[in-house]
Amino acid sequence: MSARIRSRRTRLASSMAGLAALSLLAVACSPAGENAGGGSDGGGDDQGGATEFTFLTTVENPQIRDELTRLSEDQCAAENEALPLVIDTIPQADVNQRVSVLASQDALPVMFVSPTSESKVGGDMYESGALLDLEETLTDLGVWEDVLPAAASTVNAIYGDMVSLPFQYNIEGFWYNKQILADNGLEVPTTWAEFTEAATALDAAGVQPLTASGAQGWTITRYISTYLARANGVDALAQVSDGSASFTDPDYLIAAQELAALGEAGYFGQGIVSRDMDTVTAEFFGGTAAMMYNGSWVLSNVYDEEQNTVGVDNIGFFPFPEVEGGAGSIDDYPANTGTVTAVSASLYNDKVGAWLACIAENYGSSLLQNQGAISGFVQNTEVDGVEPLVAEVTERMVDAQDAVIWLEGPFDQRFGDAAGLSAGSLVDGGISPEDYMAQIQDAVDAAQ
């Protein structure tokens, strides 16, 4: 057990330091129920090992707890009999404070949603050794191969180490209206040149090529970060973070220039600065816009007949196109694995290990079969009745290797504000590419 209370500081190279500053789905919080923890009052035995498989999760996300409950009654019934699953929930807004308090009291549950800032390399919980080294543990258990490589890459890139189980996994790219492209004689673009040519052709035919939200700036900034990953490689943002490159460098500036050119041509339609996500999805699923950048979570919209009026068969997905001559690959996807779900190092024992192995082996197939959702675990059992588009996206996830980090990822909140709040203005001409990139570089410099 003690061997897994990690010795990570020396194993982590300094090259991860920039990426370790990431903040993914950060949440704030205040105290919840009294029995949320492990330790002395939540499932620990006299030697500190778990006597219950306690899991603290958020009220707002029933997906994980529902699937674990199913596993406890079926594939993981033996593990559950040996170490009963006990689930407690707290509001997402309470996570940071509640988990921090539990950690300070040595009362963490076996498995728990965890604050991003505390869990990443350099965070207090990480540095204290409170979090189980999941790569080492799952390797020792013989189930590391049940974690999708791209999901593991995403967790490591975001947090600097394998601190979170990938119960959720999403990739991002372009969703497109098949009928609109076919009616205009267009193939799915695989290069940036083909992408811009397709947008030009659609605009000439009176079709709005793209939609994005200025109110949710990430739908615009993703163009910049993914273009940079295609042009300069997946470590493009890490190079800015460690000071070896700047957003104002010509080979970085071009990403903002290319995006601004799409906006100047009118390809995003009118009103992008104030456009919200409801309008974006309505424009795309209503057939107004031909293409929309978004994540695989959009699959729920695809199969919602009330939202998707163009029909399931008319919706397709393609990855962000390659930049010809670039160092990146079209097979690298912007990705995330949801909120951190960590495991307590001090409560780990053989029974916890048995639970983790059972989850790794069965969760992927069970989640897809029962909820039609995709996780970062391999699907070891064939799932019947999977919708074709879900199967296609799943296959892309399995084949993906490296994760593309989004623009705001390696930097602080000031950077996020500078990048996101001005994104719509970059597209509609309110700020020049040069000024935009200078603005976000200033935010980088201010934090150093």
Protein backbone atom coordinates (compact mmCIF):
# COMPACT_ATOMS: atom_id res chain seq x y z
CA MET A 1 0.00 0.00 0.00
CA SER A 2 2.68 2.52 0.97
CA ALA A 3 4.49 1.94 -2.32
CA ARG A 4 1.61 3.61 -4.11
CA ILE A 5 1.64 6.75 -2.01
CA ARG A 6 3.46 8.37 -4.79
CA SER A 7 7.01 9.46 -5.24
CA ARG A 8 6.21 11.64 -8.21
CA ARG A 9 8.22 14.78 -7.82
CA THR A 10 11.39 13.29 -9.23
CA ARG A 11 9.54 11.31 -11.88
CA LEU A 12 7.87 14.38 -13.30
CA ALA A 13 10.12 16.29 -15.60
CA SER A 14 10.28 20.05 -15.54
CA SER A 15 8.81 20.03 -19.04
CA MET A 16 5.44 19.33 -17.41
CA ALA A 17 5.62 22.39 -15.20
CA GLY A 18 3.87 24.69 -17.64
CA LEU A 19 1.05 22.31 -18.27
CA ALA A 20 0.72 21.66 -14.57
CA ALA A 21 -0.72 25.15 -14.17
CA LEU A 22 -3.89 24.08 -15.90
CA SER A 23 -7.32 24.63 -14.45
CA LEU A 24 -10.09 22.33 -15.68
CA LEU A 25 -13.70 22.74 -14.60
CA ALA A 26 -12.66 24.38 -11.35
CA VAL A 27 -15.32 24.46 -8.67
CA ALA A 28 -15.76 26.34 -5.38
CA CYS A 29 -17.45 25.10 -2.25
CA SER A 30 -18.60 24.96 1.40
CA PRO A 31 -19.29 22.10 3.83
CA ALA A 32 -21.68 19.27 3.04
CA GLY A 33 -22.87 16.21 4.99
CA GLU A 34 -21.03 14.87 8.01
CA ASN A 35 -20.29 11.38 6.65
CA ALA A 36 -18.68 12.27 3.35
CA GLY A 37 -15.19 11.18 4.28
CA GLY A 38 -13.13 8.06 4.76
CA GLY A 39 -10.64 8.18 7.63
CA SER A 40 -12.00 7.75 11.12
CA ASP A 41 -15.66 8.42 10.34
CA GLY A 42 -16.06 7.40 6.74
CA GLY A 43 -14.79 3.92 6.02
CA GLY A 44 -11.29 3.45 7.47
CA ASP A 45 -10.19 0.44 9.52
CA ASP A 46 -7.75 0.48 12.43
CA GLN A 47 -4.82 0.24 10.02
CA GLY A 48 -6.16 3.05 7.82
CA GLY A 49 -7.40 0.88 4.97
CA ALA A 50 -10.94 1.20 3.67
CA THR A 51 -13.83 -0.85 5.09
CA GLU A 52 -16.31 0.67 2.62
CA PHE A 53 -15.85 1.86 -0.93
CA THR A 54 -16.89 5.43 -0.15
CA PHE A 55 -17.42 7.79 -3.06
CA LEU A 56 -18.04 11.54 -2.78
CA THR A 57 -19.46 13.03 -5.97
CA THR A 58 -21.55 15.99 -7.08
CA VAL A 59 -25.31 16.23 -6.99
CA GLU A 60 -25.32 17.65 -10.51
CA ASN A 61 -23.61 14.67 -12.12
CA PRO A 62 -25.56 11.43 -11.63
CA GLN A 63 -23.85 9.65 -14.54
CA ILE A 64 -20.90 8.22 -12.63
CA ARG A 65 -22.74 7.25 -9.47
CA ASP A 66 -25.57 5.62 -11.43
CA GLU A 67 -23.12 3.50 -13.40
CA LEU A 68 -21.10 2.51 -10.36
CA THR A 69 -24.34 1.44 -8.67
CA ARG A 70 -25.14 -0.76 -11.68
CA LEU A 71 -21.67 -2.30 -11.56
CA SER A 72 -22.04 -2.97 -7.83
CA GLU A 73 -25.14 -5.02 -8.58
CA ASP A 74 -23.70 -6.88 -11.56
CA GLN A 75 -20.09 -7.11 -12.81
CA CYS A 76 -18.61 -5.83 -9.54
CA ALA A 77 -21.02 -7.61 -7.18
CA ALA A 78 -18.23 -9.65 -5.58
CA GLU A 79 -16.12 -6.56 -5.02
CA ASN A 80 -19.14 -4.79 -3.57
CA GLU A 81 -19.83 -7.63 -1.16
CA ALA A 82 -16.25 -7.46 0.08
CA LEU A 83 -16.20 -3.64 0.21
CA PRO A 84 -19.69 -2.11 -0.02
CA LEU A 85 -20.17 0.93 -2.26
CA VAL A 86 -21.35 3.96 -0.27
CA ILE A 87 -22.11 7.12 -2.24
CA ASP A 88 -22.46 10.61 -0.82
CA THR A 89 -23.19 13.77 -2.83
CA ILE A 90 -22.52 17.47 -2.43
CA PRO A 91 -23.33 20.46 -4.66
CA GLN A 92 -20.62 21.15 -7.19
CA ALA A 93 -20.19 24.64 -5.73
CA ASP A 94 -19.18 23.05 -2.41
CA VAL A 95 -16.43 20.78 -3.72
CA ASN A 96 -13.38 22.95 -3.15
CA GLN A 97 -14.05 23.83 0.46
CA ARG A 98 -15.53 20.51 1.53
CA VAL A 99 -12.77 18.34 0.07
CA SER A 100 -10.08 20.66 1.38
CA VAL A 101 -11.58 20.39 4.87
CA LEU A 102 -11.74 16.60 4.64
CA ALA A 103 -8.13 16.48 3.53
CA SER A 104 -7.03 18.66 6.43
CA GLN A 105 -8.87 16.31 8.83
CA ASP A 106 -7.42 13.16 7.22
CA ALA A 107 -11.02 12.18 6.52
CA LEU A 108 -11.14 11.83 2.74
CA PRO A 109 -13.35 9.08 1.30
CA VAL A 110 -11.86 6.35 -0.85
CA MET A 111 -12.81 8.08 -4.10
CA PHE A 112 -13.85 11.68 -4.48
CA VAL A 113 -14.27 14.66 -6.77
CA SER A 114 -11.32 16.88 -6.08
CA PRO A 115 -10.44 20.56 -6.56
CA THR A 116 -8.36 21.06 -9.68
CA SER A 117 -5.89 23.47 -8.10
CA GLU A 118 -5.29 21.12 -5.16
CA SER A 119 -4.93 17.98 -7.28
CA LYS A 120 -2.50 19.06 -9.97
CA VAL A 121 1.26 18.97 -9.61
CA GLY A 122 2.20 21.72 -7.17
CA GLY A 123 -1.19 21.66 -5.45
CA ASP A 124 -1.35 20.98 -1.72
CA MET A 125 -3.18 17.64 -1.95
CA TYR A 126 -0.87 16.39 -4.66
CA GLU A 127 2.31 17.43 -2.90
CA SER A 128 1.14 15.98 0.43
CA GLY A 129 0.83 12.53 -1.15
CA ALA A 130 -2.89 12.32 -0.43
CA LEU A 131 -3.76 11.17 -3.94
CA LEU A 132 -3.15 7.68 -5.25
CA ASP A 133 -0.81 7.29 -8.23
CA LEU A 134 -3.34 5.80 -10.61
CA GLU A 135 -1.00 4.85 -13.43
CA GLU A 136 1.26 2.90 -11.08
CA THR A 137 -1.69 1.35 -9.29
CA LEU A 138 -3.62 0.31 -12.39
CA THR A 139 -0.39 -1.03 -13.91
CA ASP A 140 0.23 -3.14 -10.81
CA LEU A 141 -3.35 -4.39 -11.01
CA GLY A 142 -2.84 -5.38 -14.65
CA VAL A 143 -5.55 -3.07 -15.99
CA TRP A 144 -3.62 -0.02 -17.22
CA GLU A 145 -4.33 -1.14 -20.79
CA ASP A 146 -8.02 -0.62 -20.02
CA VAL A 147 -7.44 3.14 -19.98
CA LEU A 148 -7.56 4.75 -23.41
CA PRO A 149 -4.12 6.18 -24.27
CA ALA A 150 -5.58 9.55 -25.26
CA ALA A 151 -7.54 9.75 -22.00
CA ALA A 152 -4.38 9.07 -20.00
CA SER A 153 -2.51 11.60 -22.11
CA THR A 154 -5.23 14.17 -21.41
CA VAL A 155 -5.14 13.66 -17.64
CA ASN A 156 -1.35 13.82 -17.57
CA ALA A 157 -1.22 16.90 -19.77
CA ILE A 158 -3.82 18.79 -17.77
CA TYR A 159 -2.75 17.90 -14.23
CA GLY A 160 0.88 16.88 -14.71
CA ASP A 161 0.27 13.33 -13.49
CA MET A 162 -2.35 10.57 -13.51
CA VAL A 163 -4.42 11.81 -10.58
CA SER A 164 -7.93 11.25 -11.97
CA LEU A 165 -9.95 8.28 -13.16
CA PRO A 166 -11.34 9.07 -16.64
CA PHE A 167 -14.99 8.38 -15.89
CA GLN A 168 -15.84 10.97 -18.52
CA TYR A 169 -13.97 11.64 -21.73
CA ASN A 170 -14.76 14.09 -24.48
CA ILE A 171 -13.01 15.00 -27.69
CA GLU A 172 -13.70 18.13 -29.71
CA GLY A 173 -13.90 18.95 -33.38
CA PHE A 174 -16.34 20.11 -36.03
CA TRP A 175 -19.91 18.94 -36.32
CA TYR A 176 -21.33 19.43 -39.79
CA ASN A 177 -24.56 19.22 -41.73
CA LYS A 178 -24.06 16.43 -44.28
CA GLN A 179 -26.91 17.55 -46.50
CA ILE A 180 -25.66 21.11 -46.76
CA LEU A 181 -22.17 19.98 -47.75
CA ALA A 182 -23.55 17.46 -50.24
CA ASP A 183 -25.93 19.99 -51.81
CA ASN A 184 -22.96 22.25 -52.45
CA GLY A 185 -20.70 19.53 -53.81
CA LEU A 186 -18.32 19.66 -50.84
CA GLU A 187 -16.29 16.90 -49.22
CA VAL A 188 -15.31 16.87 -45.56
CA PRO A 189 -12.21 19.10 -45.32
CA THR A 190 -9.03 17.53 -44.00
CA THR A 191 -6.69 20.53 -44.39
CA TRP A 192 -7.06 24.14 -43.31
CA ALA A 193 -6.96 25.23 -46.95
CA GLU A 194 -9.85 22.88 -47.77
CA PHE A 195 -11.72 24.14 -44.72
CA THR A 196 -11.48 27.79 -45.73
CA GLU A 197 -12.35 26.91 -49.35
CA ALA A 198 -15.46 25.08 -48.15
CA ALA A 199 -16.47 28.07 -46.04
CA THR A 200 -16.01 30.36 -49.03
CA ALA A 201 -18.14 28.12 -51.24
CA LEU A 202 -20.92 27.90 -48.66
CA ASP A 203 -20.96 31.64 -48.14
CA ALA A 204 -21.17 32.19 -51.90
CA ALA A 205 -24.18 29.84 -51.97
CA GLY A 206 -25.96 31.89 -49.31
CA VAL A 207 -25.30 29.45 -46.46
CA GLN A 208 -23.80 30.56 -43.13
CA PRO A 209 -20.67 28.39 -42.94
CA LEU A 210 -19.96 28.55 -39.19
CA THR A 211 -21.43 29.40 -35.82
CA ALA A 212 -19.73 30.13 -32.50
CA SER A 213 -20.47 32.01 -29.29
CA GLY A 214 -18.81 35.26 -28.27
CA ALA A 215 -20.58 34.95 -24.92
CA GLN A 216 -18.79 31.61 -24.45
CA GLY A 217 -15.38 32.60 -25.77
CA TRP A 218 -13.94 29.08 -25.62
CA THR A 219 -15.90 28.19 -28.77
CA ILE A 220 -13.70 30.74 -30.55
CA THR A 221 -10.39 30.41 -28.71
CA ARG A 222 -10.34 26.69 -29.52
CA TYR A 223 -9.66 27.68 -33.13
CA ILE A 224 -6.46 29.39 -32.04
CA SER A 225 -5.13 26.68 -29.75
CA THR A 226 -5.94 23.83 -32.13
CA TYR A 227 -4.54 25.68 -35.13
CA LEU A 228 -1.34 26.18 -33.13
CA ALA A 229 -1.24 22.49 -32.22
CA ARG A 230 -1.64 21.55 -35.88
CA ALA A 231 0.97 24.07 -37.04
CA ASN A 232 3.54 23.94 -34.23
CA GLY A 233 2.82 20.64 -32.47
CA VAL A 234 0.84 19.66 -29.38
CA ASP A 235 3.41 21.34 -27.14
CA ALA A 236 2.81 24.76 -28.71
CA LEU A 237 1.19 26.21 -25.59
CA ALA A 238 3.76 24.61 -23.30
CA GLN A 239 6.44 26.49 -25.20
CA VAL A 240 4.67 29.76 -24.46
CA SER A 241 4.22 28.76 -20.83
CA ASP A 242 7.91 28.01 -20.35
CA GLY A 243 8.97 31.19 -22.14
CA SER A 244 10.56 29.60 -25.20
CA ALA A 245 7.86 31.06 -27.48
CA SER A 246 5.47 34.01 -27.48
CA PHE A 247 1.95 34.50 -28.78
CA THR A 248 3.32 37.49 -30.67
CA ASP A 249 5.80 35.37 -32.62
CA PRO A 250 4.91 35.21 -36.33
CA ASP A 251 4.27 31.45 -36.24
CA TYR A 252 1.82 32.00 -33.34
CA LEU A 253 0.26 35.23 -34.57
CA ILE A 254 -0.89 33.50 -37.74
CA ALA A 255 -3.47 31.49 -35.80
CA ALA A 256 -5.29 34.66 -34.75
CA GLN A 257 -4.92 36.09 -38.23
CA GLU A 258 -6.51 33.03 -39.83
CA LEU A 259 -9.40 33.13 -37.37
CA ALA A 260 -9.93 36.86 -37.85
CA ALA A 261 -10.01 36.33 -41.61
CA LEU A 262 -12.93 33.91 -41.22
CA GLY A 263 -14.78 36.54 -39.24
CA GLU A 264 -13.93 39.36 -41.62
CA ALA A 265 -15.39 37.29 -44.46
CA GLY A 266 -18.65 37.03 -42.52
CA TYR A 267 -18.52 33.27 -42.18
CA PHE A 268 -19.83 33.30 -38.58
CA GLY A 269 -22.89 35.38 -39.41
CA GLN A 270 -24.07 38.48 -37.59
CA GLY A 271 -23.98 39.11 -33.83
CA ILE A 272 -21.26 36.71 -32.76
CA VAL A 273 -20.07 38.89 -29.86
CA SER A 274 -23.35 38.52 -27.95
CA ARG A 275 -24.39 35.11 -29.32
CA ASP A 276 -24.91 32.52 -26.58
CA MET A 277 -24.63 28.73 -26.72
CA ASP A 278 -28.36 28.17 -26.99
CA THR A 279 -28.33 30.25 -30.16
CA VAL A 280 -25.29 28.40 -31.48
CA THR A 281 -26.93 24.99 -31.06
CA ALA A 282 -30.21 26.30 -32.47
CA GLU A 283 -28.44 27.65 -35.55
CA PHE A 284 -26.63 24.40 -36.18
CA PHE A 285 -29.34 21.87 -35.35
CA GLY A 286 -31.92 24.04 -37.07
CA GLY A 287 -29.96 23.99 -40.33
CA THR A 288 -28.95 27.66 -40.41
CA ALA A 289 -25.21 27.05 -40.02
CA ALA A 290 -23.30 24.32 -41.82
CA MET A 291 -20.53 23.69 -39.26
CA MET A 292 -20.03 24.13 -35.52
CA TYR A 293 -16.97 23.53 -33.34
CA ASN A 294 -17.97 21.66 -30.20
CA GLY A 295 -17.32 18.58 -28.06
CA SER A 296 -18.56 15.00 -28.14
CA TRP A 297 -21.06 15.88 -25.40
CA VAL A 298 -23.11 17.33 -28.28
CA LEU A 299 -24.16 13.75 -29.08
CA SER A 300 -26.99 14.22 -26.58
CA ASN A 301 -28.26 17.10 -28.74
CA VAL A 302 -27.86 15.05 -31.91
CA TYR A 303 -30.32 12.45 -30.64
CA ASP A 304 -32.76 14.97 -29.18
CA GLU A 305 -35.48 15.22 -31.81
CA GLU A 306 -36.83 18.46 -30.39
CA GLN A 307 -33.47 20.19 -30.77
CA ASN A 308 -32.18 18.46 -33.89
CA THR A 309 -34.68 19.31 -36.60
CA VAL A 310 -32.34 18.41 -39.49
CA GLY A 311 -32.28 14.74 -38.52
CA VAL A 312 -29.72 12.41 -36.99
CA ASP A 313 -28.61 11.09 -40.36
CA ASN A 314 -27.63 14.59 -41.49
CA ILE A 315 -25.12 15.20 -38.69
CA GLY A 316 -21.45 14.26 -39.02
CA PHE A 317 -18.19 14.92 -37.22
CA PHE A 318 -14.66 15.67 -38.41
CA PRO A 319 -11.45 16.62 -36.57
CA PHE A 320 -9.91 20.07 -36.74
CA PRO A 321 -8.14 20.08 -40.12
CA GLU A 322 -4.40 19.74 -40.56
CA VAL A 323 -2.29 22.78 -41.27
CA GLU A 324 -0.29 21.81 -44.32
CA GLY A 325 3.40 21.52 -43.48
CA GLY A 326 2.64 21.74 -39.75
CA ALA A 327 4.23 19.72 -36.98
CA GLY A 328 0.93 18.47 -35.54
CA SER A 329 -1.36 15.62 -36.53
CA ILE A 330 -5.03 15.55 -37.41
CA ASP A 331 -5.29 12.54 -35.07
CA ASP A 332 -4.56 14.70 -32.00
CA TYR A 333 -7.78 15.96 -30.40
CA PRO A 334 -8.62 18.67 -27.92
CA ALA A 335 -9.98 16.62 -25.05
CA ASN A 336 -11.01 16.65 -21.41
CA THR A 337 -11.91 14.06 -18.81
CA GLY A 338 -14.34 16.03 -16.69
CA THR A 339 -13.87 16.98 -13.05
CA VAL A 340 -11.02 15.32 -11.16
CA THR A 341 -12.07 12.01 -9.58
CA ALA A 342 -9.20 11.02 -7.31
CA VAL A 343 -8.52 8.08 -5.00
CA SER A 344 -7.18 8.33 -1.46
CA ALA A 345 -3.67 6.93 -1.09
CA SER A 346 -4.01 6.29 2.64
CA LEU A 347 -7.22 4.24 2.29
CA TYR A 348 -5.92 2.05 -0.51
CA ASN A 349 -5.87 -1.70 0.18
CA ASP A 350 -6.40 -4.91 -1.79
CA LYS A 351 -10.19 -4.55 -1.68
CA VAL A 352 -9.99 -1.03 -3.08
CA GLY A 353 -7.64 -2.38 -5.74
CA ALA A 354 -10.18 -5.04 -6.66
CA TRP A 355 -12.82 -2.34 -7.09
CA LEU A 356 -10.53 -0.21 -9.25
CA ALA A 357 -9.67 -3.20 -11.45
CA CYS A 358 -13.34 -4.07 -11.88
CA ILE A 359 -14.15 -0.47 -12.80
CA ALA A 360 -11.35 -0.31 -15.35
CA GLU A 361 -12.45 -3.54 -16.97
CA ASN A 362 -16.20 -2.90 -17.07
CA TYR A 363 -17.08 0.79 -16.79
CA GLY A 364 -16.51 1.71 -20.44
CA SER A 365 -18.89 -0.86 -21.90
CA SER A 366 -21.43 -0.49 -19.12
CA LEU A 367 -21.66 3.29 -19.50
CA LEU A 368 -22.11 3.09 -23.26
CA GLN A 369 -24.67 0.28 -22.99
CA ASN A 370 -26.78 1.89 -20.27
CA GLN A 371 -26.39 5.61 -20.84
CA GLY A 372 -25.08 5.95 -24.40
CA ALA A 373 -22.11 7.91 -23.05
CA ILE A 374 -18.38 7.54 -23.56
CA SER A 375 -15.65 7.34 -20.94
CA GLY A 376 -11.87 7.10 -20.99
CA PHE A 377 -11.99 3.36 -20.32
CA VAL A 378 -11.73 0.70 -23.00
CA GLN A 379 -14.97 -1.05 -23.98
CA ASN A 380 -14.08 -4.67 -23.30
CA THR A 381 -17.57 -6.03 -23.91
CA GLU A 382 -19.39 -5.55 -27.20
CA VAL A 383 -22.25 -3.12 -26.83
CA ASP A 384 -25.41 -3.71 -28.83
CA GLY A 385 -27.46 -1.05 -30.54
CA VAL A 386 -24.86 1.74 -30.53
CA GLU A 387 -25.88 4.58 -32.82
CA PRO A 388 -23.56 4.94 -35.85
CA LEU A 389 -22.37 8.45 -34.97
CA VAL A 390 -21.66 7.41 -31.37
CA ALA A 391 -19.69 4.45 -32.69
CA GLU A 392 -17.72 6.71 -35.03
CA VAL A 393 -16.81 9.18 -32.29
CA THR A 394 -15.91 6.32 -29.96
CA GLU A 395 -13.58 4.87 -32.58
CA ARG A 396 -11.89 8.24 -32.96
CA MET A 397 -11.37 8.36 -29.19
CA VAL A 398 -9.81 4.91 -29.20
CA ASP A 399 -7.48 5.81 -32.06
CA ALA A 400 -6.43 9.19 -30.65
CA GLN A 401 -2.98 9.37 -29.07
CA ASP A 402 -2.05 12.88 -27.91
CA ALA A 403 -4.26 15.50 -26.32
CA VAL A 404 -4.41 19.09 -27.55
CA ILE A 405 -4.63 21.53 -24.64
CA TRP A 406 -7.06 24.40 -25.06
CA LEU A 407 -5.82 27.99 -25.15
CA GLU A 408 -6.67 28.92 -21.58
CA GLY A 409 -5.42 25.61 -20.16
CA PRO A 410 -1.83 26.28 -19.09
CA PHE A 411 -2.49 29.78 -17.78
CA ASP A 412 -4.25 31.60 -14.97
CA GLN A 413 -7.66 33.24 -14.65
CA ARG A 414 -6.38 36.61 -15.83
CA PHE A 415 -5.27 34.98 -19.05
CA GLY A 416 -8.62 33.22 -19.40
CA ASP A 417 -10.45 36.51 -19.08
CA ALA A 418 -8.15 38.25 -21.56
CA ALA A 419 -8.54 35.46 -24.10
CA GLY A 420 -12.24 34.71 -23.72
CA LEU A 421 -13.74 38.16 -23.28
CA SER A 422 -12.09 39.50 -26.43
CA ALA A 423 -12.58 36.40 -28.60
CA GLY A 424 -15.81 37.61 -30.17
CA SER A 425 -14.26 40.99 -30.89
CA LEU A 426 -11.36 39.29 -32.67
CA VAL A 427 -13.81 37.61 -35.02
CA ASP A 428 -15.98 40.66 -35.69
CA GLY A 429 -13.09 43.10 -36.14
CA GLY A 430 -13.28 44.87 -32.80
CA ILE A 431 -9.67 43.99 -32.02
CA SER A 432 -6.85 43.19 -34.42
CA PRO A 433 -5.03 39.83 -34.33
CA GLU A 434 -1.85 41.65 -33.34
CA ASP A 435 -3.50 43.42 -30.42
CA TYR A 436 -5.33 40.28 -29.33
CA MET A 437 -2.18 38.17 -29.21
CA ALA A 438 -0.26 40.99 -27.50
CA GLN A 439 -3.04 41.20 -24.92
CA ILE A 440 -2.93 37.52 -24.03
CA GLN A 441 0.87 37.50 -24.02
CA ASP A 442 0.79 40.40 -21.56
CA ALA A 443 -1.37 38.20 -19.31
CA VAL A 444 1.21 35.41 -19.56
CA ASP A 445 4.05 37.79 -18.72
CA ALA A 446 2.18 39.29 -15.78
CA ALA A 447 1.87 35.89 -14.14
CA GLN A 448 5.58 35.09 -14.37
